[in-house]
């Protein structure tokens, strides 16, 4: 299996997104909030930073994920979209490989967190994200009207390092630390200085 970056409009990516939408339509068709799925699930191609497709050894497309930038109150965050593995290919590590690819891009971008939206009937997905360190957060726009929504976040290693360093400085009752953080597009020099 290989995970390959592809253009957003690549035929394999388009076909897998259509399969993901059909799967969601079937899963949530009985829910009254399903009417809101179509407006909340719009994906502007210009916001997509990365589209990846997983292929088996014979070249069959098995899975898909996108990573998009967010605006408004969530500017600076990235969202994983259309994470999907064909049902007959699940349980073979494909979702792990797709997630690793989009998380690596998020690290390269130097963003503080990655978020994802899924639904309460996607029990395997809920477990998958929790297993990979995602924690539940409040439902964020544009998913508020979709009552079955579940949203998660994963803070970047950068944020974790800053929190740990700040805690260490506080425990030692003062100090100074210099750290160069961020991805290739947004390097940042952070200086911590405290005195007590």
Protein backbone atom coordinates (compact mmCIF):
# COMPACT_ATOMS: atom_id res chain seq x y z
CA UNK A 1 0.00 0.00 0.00
CA UNK A 2 1.13 3.53 -0.79
CA UNK A 3 -0.33 6.91 0.17
CA UNK A 4 0.08 9.37 -2.68
CA UNK A 5 -0.59 13.13 -2.79
CA UNK A 6 -2.89 13.88 -5.72
CA UNK A 7 -4.66 16.96 -7.08
CA UNK A 8 -8.03 17.63 -5.45
CA UNK A 9 -9.79 16.95 -8.76
CA UNK A 10 -7.91 13.70 -9.49
CA UNK A 11 -10.46 11.09 -10.69
CA UNK A 12 -9.55 8.66 -7.88
CA UNK A 13 -10.02 11.37 -5.26
CA UNK A 14 -13.34 12.44 -6.77
CA UNK A 15 -14.59 8.83 -6.84
CA UNK A 16 -13.58 8.18 -3.22
CA UNK A 17 -15.25 11.41 -2.04
CA UNK A 18 -18.42 10.33 -3.83
CA UNK A 19 -18.23 6.94 -2.08
CA UNK A 20 -17.73 8.68 1.27
CA UNK A 21 -20.74 10.93 0.66
CA UNK A 22 -22.91 7.94 -0.33
CA UNK A 23 -21.80 6.11 2.82
CA UNK A 24 -22.72 9.14 4.96
CA UNK A 25 -26.05 9.56 3.19
CA UNK A 26 -26.94 5.94 3.93
CA UNK A 27 -25.74 6.11 7.53
CA UNK A 28 -27.55 9.33 8.43
CA UNK A 29 -30.57 9.30 6.10
CA UNK A 30 -32.98 8.64 8.96
CA UNK A 31 -31.72 11.54 11.08
CA UNK A 32 -33.68 14.82 10.99
CA UNK A 33 -30.40 16.76 10.89
CA UNK A 34 -29.39 15.04 7.66
CA UNK A 35 -30.95 17.90 5.70
CA UNK A 36 -28.10 20.11 6.94
CA UNK A 37 -25.37 17.72 5.76
CA UNK A 38 -25.33 19.08 2.26
CA UNK A 39 -24.60 22.67 3.26
CA UNK A 40 -22.19 21.84 6.09
CA UNK A 41 -20.17 19.39 4.00
CA UNK A 42 -19.31 21.78 1.17
CA UNK A 43 -15.58 21.63 0.54
CA UNK A 44 -14.05 24.63 -1.23
CA UNK A 45 -11.13 23.27 -3.30
CA UNK A 46 -9.20 26.52 -2.83
CA UNK A 47 -9.00 25.83 0.93
CA UNK A 48 -7.51 22.36 0.48
CA UNK A 49 -3.78 22.16 1.19
CA UNK A 50 -3.41 18.43 0.63
CA UNK A 51 -5.36 15.57 -0.89
CA UNK A 52 -4.05 12.04 -0.45
CA UNK A 53 -5.19 8.71 -1.83
CA UNK A 54 -4.12 5.29 -0.57
CA UNK A 55 -3.53 2.65 -3.24
CA UNK A 56 -3.04 -1.09 -2.92
CA UNK A 57 -0.18 -2.89 -4.66
CA UNK A 58 -2.31 -3.30 -7.78
CA UNK A 59 -3.08 0.42 -8.00
CA UNK A 60 -6.66 0.20 -6.70
CA UNK A 61 -7.64 3.38 -4.78
CA UNK A 62 -8.68 2.35 -1.27
CA UNK A 63 -8.80 5.48 0.86
CA UNK A 64 -8.84 9.27 0.82
CA UNK A 65 -8.25 12.29 3.05
CA UNK A 66 -7.96 16.05 2.62
CA UNK A 67 -6.47 18.74 4.80
CA UNK A 68 -7.94 22.22 4.54
CA UNK A 69 -7.24 25.58 6.11
CA UNK A 70 -9.95 27.26 8.14
CA UNK A 71 -10.90 30.90 8.44
CA UNK A 72 -12.85 33.11 10.80
CA UNK A 73 -12.50 32.27 14.49
CA UNK A 74 -10.56 29.14 13.55
CA UNK A 75 -8.01 30.81 11.31
CA UNK A 76 -4.68 29.08 11.76
CA UNK A 77 -6.25 25.67 12.36
CA UNK A 78 -6.41 22.90 9.78
CA UNK A 79 -9.30 20.48 9.34
CA UNK A 80 -9.15 16.90 8.14
CA UNK A 81 -11.93 16.31 5.63
CA UNK A 82 -13.37 13.33 3.77
CA UNK A 83 -11.32 10.73 5.60
CA UNK A 84 -12.61 7.51 4.10
CA UNK A 85 -11.52 3.92 3.51
CA UNK A 86 -13.48 1.56 1.27
CA UNK A 87 -15.44 -0.84 3.53
CA UNK A 88 -13.78 -3.99 2.13
CA UNK A 89 -10.31 -2.54 2.81
CA UNK A 90 -10.82 -1.49 6.43
CA UNK A 91 -8.75 -2.96 9.24
CA UNK A 92 -5.51 -2.99 7.23
CA UNK A 93 -3.85 0.20 8.50
CA UNK A 94 -4.99 2.37 5.60
CA UNK A 95 -6.68 4.94 7.84
CA UNK A 96 -3.53 5.08 9.98
CA UNK A 97 -1.42 5.81 6.89
CA UNK A 98 -3.82 8.49 5.63
CA UNK A 99 -3.91 10.16 9.03
CA UNK A 100 -0.12 10.08 9.28
CA UNK A 101 0.15 11.81 5.90
CA UNK A 102 -2.21 14.68 6.76
CA UNK A 103 -0.74 15.08 10.25
CA UNK A 104 2.75 15.33 8.77
CA UNK A 105 1.59 18.11 6.47
CA UNK A 106 0.01 19.88 9.45
CA UNK A 107 3.34 19.66 11.32
CA UNK A 108 5.12 21.01 8.24
CA UNK A 109 2.71 23.95 8.23
CA UNK A 110 3.42 24.64 11.92
CA UNK A 111 -0.23 24.99 12.93
CA UNK A 112 -1.31 24.87 16.58
CA UNK A 113 -3.97 22.21 16.07
CA UNK A 114 -5.82 19.96 13.66
CA UNK A 115 -9.58 19.46 13.98
CA UNK A 116 -12.00 16.96 12.56
CA UNK A 117 -15.76 16.57 12.34
CA UNK A 118 -17.50 13.21 12.28
CA UNK A 119 -20.84 11.80 13.37
CA UNK A 120 -22.13 9.88 16.36
CA UNK A 121 -23.06 6.84 14.23
CA UNK A 122 -19.49 6.40 13.02
CA UNK A 123 -18.43 4.50 16.11
CA UNK A 124 -15.25 3.09 14.57
CA UNK A 125 -14.18 6.60 13.52
CA UNK A 126 -14.81 7.96 17.03
CA UNK A 127 -12.60 5.24 18.52
CA UNK A 128 -9.98 5.73 15.80
CA UNK A 129 -9.53 9.44 16.48
CA UNK A 130 -9.45 8.97 20.25
CA UNK A 131 -6.84 6.20 19.83
CA UNK A 132 -4.71 8.65 17.82
CA UNK A 133 -4.77 11.34 20.52
CA UNK A 134 -7.73 13.44 19.38
CA UNK A 135 -9.86 14.89 22.16
CA UNK A 136 -13.51 15.98 21.98
CA UNK A 137 -14.25 19.68 21.54
CA UNK A 138 -17.39 21.75 21.08
CA UNK A 139 -18.99 21.48 17.66
CA UNK A 140 -17.53 24.19 15.46
CA UNK A 141 -18.98 26.02 12.43
CA UNK A 142 -20.51 25.06 10.06
CA UNK A 143 -21.63 21.86 11.83
CA UNK A 144 -23.79 23.26 14.66
CA UNK A 145 -27.08 22.49 12.91
CA UNK A 146 -26.03 18.89 12.33
CA UNK A 147 -27.14 17.47 15.67
CA UNK A 148 -25.24 14.19 15.34
CA UNK A 149 -21.93 16.06 14.94
CA UNK A 150 -18.89 15.14 16.99
CA UNK A 151 -15.76 17.27 16.74
CA UNK A 152 -12.22 16.57 17.89
CA UNK A 153 -8.89 18.32 18.06
CA UNK A 154 -5.27 17.35 18.28
CA UNK A 155 -2.84 19.96 19.49
CA UNK A 156 0.45 20.11 17.68
CA UNK A 157 3.64 18.91 19.28
CA UNK A 158 4.68 22.58 19.30
CA UNK A 159 1.84 23.51 21.63
CA UNK A 160 2.64 20.54 23.86
CA UNK A 161 6.30 21.58 24.03
CA UNK A 162 5.38 25.16 24.94
CA UNK A 163 3.05 23.99 27.71
CA UNK A 164 5.67 21.60 29.10
CA UNK A 165 8.40 24.22 28.96
CA UNK A 166 6.24 26.85 30.63
CA UNK A 167 5.40 24.40 33.38
CA UNK A 168 9.08 23.52 33.85
CA UNK A 169 10.07 27.19 34.12
CA UNK A 170 7.34 27.79 36.68
CA UNK A 171 8.46 24.78 38.73
CA UNK A 172 12.06 26.02 38.80
CA UNK A 173 10.87 29.45 39.97
CA UNK A 174 12.21 31.37 37.02
CA UNK A 175 14.41 31.15 33.97
CA UNK A 176 14.77 31.90 30.32
CA UNK A 177 14.34 29.60 27.33
CA UNK A 178 14.75 30.15 23.61
CA UNK A 179 13.00 27.81 21.18
CA UNK A 180 12.73 27.83 17.42
CA UNK A 181 9.38 26.32 16.47
CA UNK A 182 7.04 26.09 13.53
CA UNK A 183 7.04 24.58 10.11
CA UNK A 184 8.98 25.60 7.07
CA UNK A 185 6.34 28.21 6.18
CA UNK A 186 6.03 29.80 9.60
CA UNK A 187 9.17 29.50 11.74
CA UNK A 188 8.91 31.31 15.05
CA UNK A 189 11.42 32.18 17.73
CA UNK A 190 9.79 31.98 21.12
CA UNK A 191 11.43 33.46 24.17
CA UNK A 192 10.21 32.54 27.61
CA UNK A 193 11.42 34.62 30.50
CA UNK A 194 10.07 34.58 34.02
CA UNK A 195 11.26 35.78 37.39
CA UNK A 196 9.65 35.23 40.75
